[in-house]
Amino acid sequence: MKIITLFRNEKALIRKAAAGDRDAQRALYEQLAPRMLATCRRYIRDRHFAEDVMVEGFVKVFKNLGQYRFEGAFEAWVRRIMVRESIDYLRKRQFVVFQEELPEPQTRPAPASDFLELEQIEACIDALPEGYRMVFILAAVEGYSHPEIARMLDISEGTSKSQLYKARQVLQAQLSTLAKHRYGTR
C-alpha cells in the first residue's frame, strides 16, 4: 500500500495546523506523539498520567502554534512544552522533594533475564527519588543547564547541581549492582 503525503514539507504542515486545519493537526500529532509520550514518561512514572499530560501538552501546542517562529527545530519547541507540562503536573499533583541525603541503595537487583539493558536503566532512573529524577532528566537527557533547571523548578543552582550529583551517584551504584549480578563480577 502506498501512502500519499498530504503535506510536502513541515512548514506547510505547521502553517495549516496553525490555521485550524484538523488534518494537519492530526498529521502533526501522529508524527510527534510517540516521541512526546516518551518525553512525558521520563518525568511521570505512570504511563496513563503521562499520556494525559501529553494530550494536554498538544492542546497547548495547537493553541500556541501561531507563536512558533520557525526558528530552531519544531520538535524541540514541542518538546519544551511537554517538559513544562510534565513539571507542572508533578508540581500540582505530587509533592516533589529535593533530598539532601542519599537514599539507601536497593539491595535486590532485578534479574538480568527479566529486562533488556535499556529497560534496566529506565527502571533505575524511575527508582530515583522525584527531585533527583527530575534534575537528572532535565540535565542529562534534555540537556538543560543548571541555571535553566533552577528557573524551571524554582530551586537554586546549587540545589540543581547537588541533586544531579547525587542522582548520578545513586544510578552508578544501581547500575554497578546490576552489572555485578548480570556478569557475575565482584
Protein backbone atom coordinates (compact mmCIF):
# COMPACT_ATOMS: atom_id res chain seq x y z
CA MET A 1 0.00 0.00 0.00
CA LYS A 2 1.36 3.43 -0.93
CA ILE A 3 0.90 6.29 1.48
CA ILE A 4 0.10 9.63 -0.09
CA THR A 5 1.83 12.57 1.55
CA LEU A 6 -0.74 15.24 2.35
CA PHE A 7 1.79 17.93 3.07
CA ARG A 8 5.03 18.45 1.19
CA ASN A 9 7.03 20.00 3.99
CA GLU A 10 6.95 20.67 7.68
CA LYS A 11 6.45 24.43 7.34
CA ALA A 12 3.34 23.98 5.23
CA LEU A 13 2.01 21.41 7.68
CA ILE A 14 2.61 23.70 10.66
CA ARG A 15 1.02 26.69 8.92
CA LYS A 16 -2.08 24.67 8.04
CA ALA A 17 -2.31 23.31 11.57
CA ALA A 18 -1.97 26.85 12.98
CA ALA A 19 -4.84 27.92 10.71
CA GLY A 20 -7.03 25.24 12.29
CA ASP A 21 -6.77 22.51 9.63
CA ARG A 22 -7.73 19.35 11.56
CA ASP A 23 -5.98 17.02 9.09
CA ALA A 24 -2.75 18.95 9.51
CA GLN A 25 -3.12 18.90 13.29
CA ARG A 26 -3.76 15.15 13.21
CA ALA A 27 -0.69 14.64 10.99
CA LEU A 28 1.49 16.63 13.42
CA TYR A 29 0.08 14.73 16.37
CA GLU A 30 0.66 11.34 14.76
CA GLN A 31 4.16 12.32 13.74
CA LEU A 32 5.23 13.59 17.16
CA ALA A 33 3.07 11.73 19.70
CA PRO A 34 5.33 8.69 20.24
CA ARG A 35 8.40 10.82 20.97
CA MET A 36 6.44 13.29 23.10
CA LEU A 37 4.92 10.46 25.13
CA ALA A 38 8.44 9.17 25.76
CA THR A 39 9.41 12.68 26.92
CA CYS A 40 6.46 12.90 29.32
CA ARG A 41 7.04 9.35 30.50
CA ARG A 42 10.59 10.22 31.57
CA TYR A 43 9.14 12.60 34.14
CA ILE A 44 5.91 10.83 35.04
CA ARG A 45 6.19 7.20 36.10
CA ASP A 46 2.59 6.20 35.40
CA ARG A 47 2.03 5.77 31.65
CA HIS A 48 -1.65 6.75 31.83
CA PHE A 49 -0.88 10.04 33.56
CA ALA A 50 1.98 10.64 31.11
CA GLU A 51 -0.49 10.18 28.23
CA ASP A 52 -2.88 12.67 29.84
CA VAL A 53 -0.07 15.20 30.21
CA MET A 54 0.98 14.65 26.60
CA VAL A 55 -2.56 15.31 25.37
CA GLU A 56 -2.74 18.49 27.47
CA GLY A 57 0.62 19.46 26.02
CA PHE A 58 -0.68 19.04 22.47
CA VAL A 59 -3.67 21.21 23.34
CA LYS A 60 -1.18 23.94 24.31
CA VAL A 61 0.88 23.27 21.18
CA PHE A 62 -2.13 23.77 18.92
CA LYS A 63 -3.36 26.83 20.88
CA ASN A 64 0.07 28.47 20.60
CA LEU A 65 1.10 27.24 17.18
CA GLY A 66 0.84 30.76 15.80
CA GLN A 67 3.67 31.78 18.14
CA TYR A 68 6.12 29.31 16.61
CA ARG A 69 8.56 31.41 14.53
CA PHE A 70 10.26 28.62 12.53
CA GLU A 71 13.49 29.32 14.41
CA GLY A 72 15.03 26.06 15.50
CA ALA A 73 13.52 22.62 15.23
CA PHE A 74 9.77 22.38 15.61
CA GLU A 75 10.11 19.12 17.54
CA ALA A 76 12.37 20.84 20.09
CA TRP A 77 9.74 23.59 20.51
CA VAL A 78 7.06 20.97 21.15
CA ARG A 79 9.35 19.01 23.50
CA ARG A 80 9.89 22.12 25.66
CA ILE A 81 6.12 22.44 26.02
CA MET A 82 5.87 18.77 27.02
CA VAL A 83 8.66 19.14 29.58
CA ARG A 84 6.94 22.18 31.13
CA GLU A 85 3.60 20.35 31.19
CA SER A 86 5.20 17.36 32.88
CA ILE A 87 6.87 19.52 35.52
CA ASP A 88 3.63 21.45 36.10
CA TYR A 89 1.76 18.17 36.52
CA LEU A 90 4.27 16.95 39.11
CA ARG A 91 4.11 20.24 40.99
CA LYS A 92 0.30 20.24 41.11
CA ARG A 93 -0.34 16.59 41.86
CA GLN A 94 2.69 15.32 43.66
CA PHE A 95 4.97 16.66 46.28
CA VAL A 96 8.46 16.82 44.82
CA VAL A 97 11.13 16.64 47.48
CA PHE A 98 14.70 17.64 46.82
CA GLN A 99 16.61 15.37 49.19
CA GLU A 100 19.83 16.29 50.88
CA GLU A 101 20.87 12.75 51.79
CA LEU A 102 21.46 9.80 49.51
CA PRO A 103 18.79 7.08 49.74
CA GLU A 104 19.76 3.57 50.73
CA PRO A 105 20.81 1.56 47.68
CA GLN A 106 18.48 -1.18 46.54
CA THR A 107 19.76 -4.46 47.87
CA ARG A 108 17.91 -6.78 45.48
CA PRO A 109 18.60 -6.09 41.81
CA ALA A 110 16.18 -7.24 39.14
CA PRO A 111 17.24 -10.47 37.44
CA ALA A 112 19.12 -9.68 34.24
CA SER A 113 17.00 -12.10 32.25
CA ASP A 114 13.82 -10.10 33.01
CA PHE A 115 14.87 -6.90 31.23
CA LEU A 116 16.75 -5.57 28.30
CA GLU A 117 19.59 -3.23 29.23
CA LEU A 118 17.63 -0.12 28.28
CA GLU A 119 14.71 -1.26 30.42
CA GLN A 120 17.06 -1.81 33.35
CA ILE A 121 18.45 1.69 33.01
CA GLU A 122 14.96 3.16 32.75
CA ALA A 123 13.92 1.22 35.85
CA CYS A 124 16.92 2.60 37.75
CA ILE A 125 16.03 6.14 36.68
CA ASP A 126 12.39 5.56 37.67
CA ALA A 127 13.55 4.37 41.10
CA LEU A 128 15.31 7.65 41.82
CA PRO A 129 13.62 10.00 44.30
CA GLU A 130 11.49 12.58 42.46
CA GLY A 131 13.87 15.52 42.88
CA TYR A 132 16.90 13.55 41.77
CA ARG A 133 15.00 12.11 38.80
CA MET A 134 13.65 15.43 37.56
CA VAL A 135 17.02 17.18 37.73
CA PHE A 136 18.80 14.19 36.18
CA ILE A 137 16.40 14.04 33.25
CA LEU A 138 16.48 17.78 32.67
CA ALA A 139 20.29 17.89 32.75
CA ALA A 140 21.49 14.55 31.40
CA VAL A 141 18.68 13.68 29.00
CA GLU A 142 17.18 17.01 27.91
CA GLY A 143 20.43 18.99 28.10
CA TYR A 144 19.25 21.93 30.20
CA SER A 145 21.85 23.95 32.13
CA HIS A 146 21.74 24.35 35.90
CA PRO A 147 20.51 27.97 35.67
CA GLU A 148 17.67 26.82 33.37
CA ILE A 149 16.79 23.92 35.67
CA ALA A 150 16.83 26.22 38.69
CA ARG A 151 14.36 28.57 36.98
CA MET A 152 12.10 25.75 35.78
CA LEU A 153 11.91 24.03 39.17
CA ASP A 154 12.14 27.18 41.31
CA ILE A 155 15.23 25.92 43.13
CA SER A 156 18.75 27.27 43.50
CA GLU A 157 21.52 26.38 41.06
CA GLY A 158 23.35 24.74 43.94
CA THR A 159 20.38 22.50 44.64
CA SER A 160 20.23 21.58 40.96
CA LYS A 161 23.91 20.69 40.95
CA SER A 162 23.75 18.67 44.15
CA GLN A 163 20.63 16.79 43.03
CA LEU A 164 22.32 15.87 39.75
CA TYR A 165 25.48 14.78 41.55
CA LYS A 166 23.52 12.62 43.98
CA ALA A 167 21.34 11.17 41.21
CA ARG A 168 24.47 10.13 39.33
CA GLN A 169 25.90 8.53 42.47
CA VAL A 170 22.72 6.51 43.07
CA LEU A 171 22.47 5.48 39.41
CA GLN A 172 26.11 4.47 39.33
CA ALA A 173 25.62 2.27 42.40
CA GLN A 174 22.44 0.71 40.99
CA LEU A 175 24.00 0.02 37.60
CA SER A 176 27.12 -1.39 39.22
CA THR A 177 24.95 -3.77 41.25
CA LEU A 178 23.05 -4.80 38.12
CA ALA A 179 26.29 -5.38 36.23
CA LYS A 180 27.69 -7.50 39.04
CA HIS A 181 24.51 -9.55 39.09
CA ARG A 182 24.38 -9.92 35.33
CA TYR A 183 28.01 -10.69 34.65
CA GLY A 184 28.84 -12.33 37.96
CA THR A 185 31.75 -9.99 38.72
CA ARG A 186 32.53 -8.93 42.24
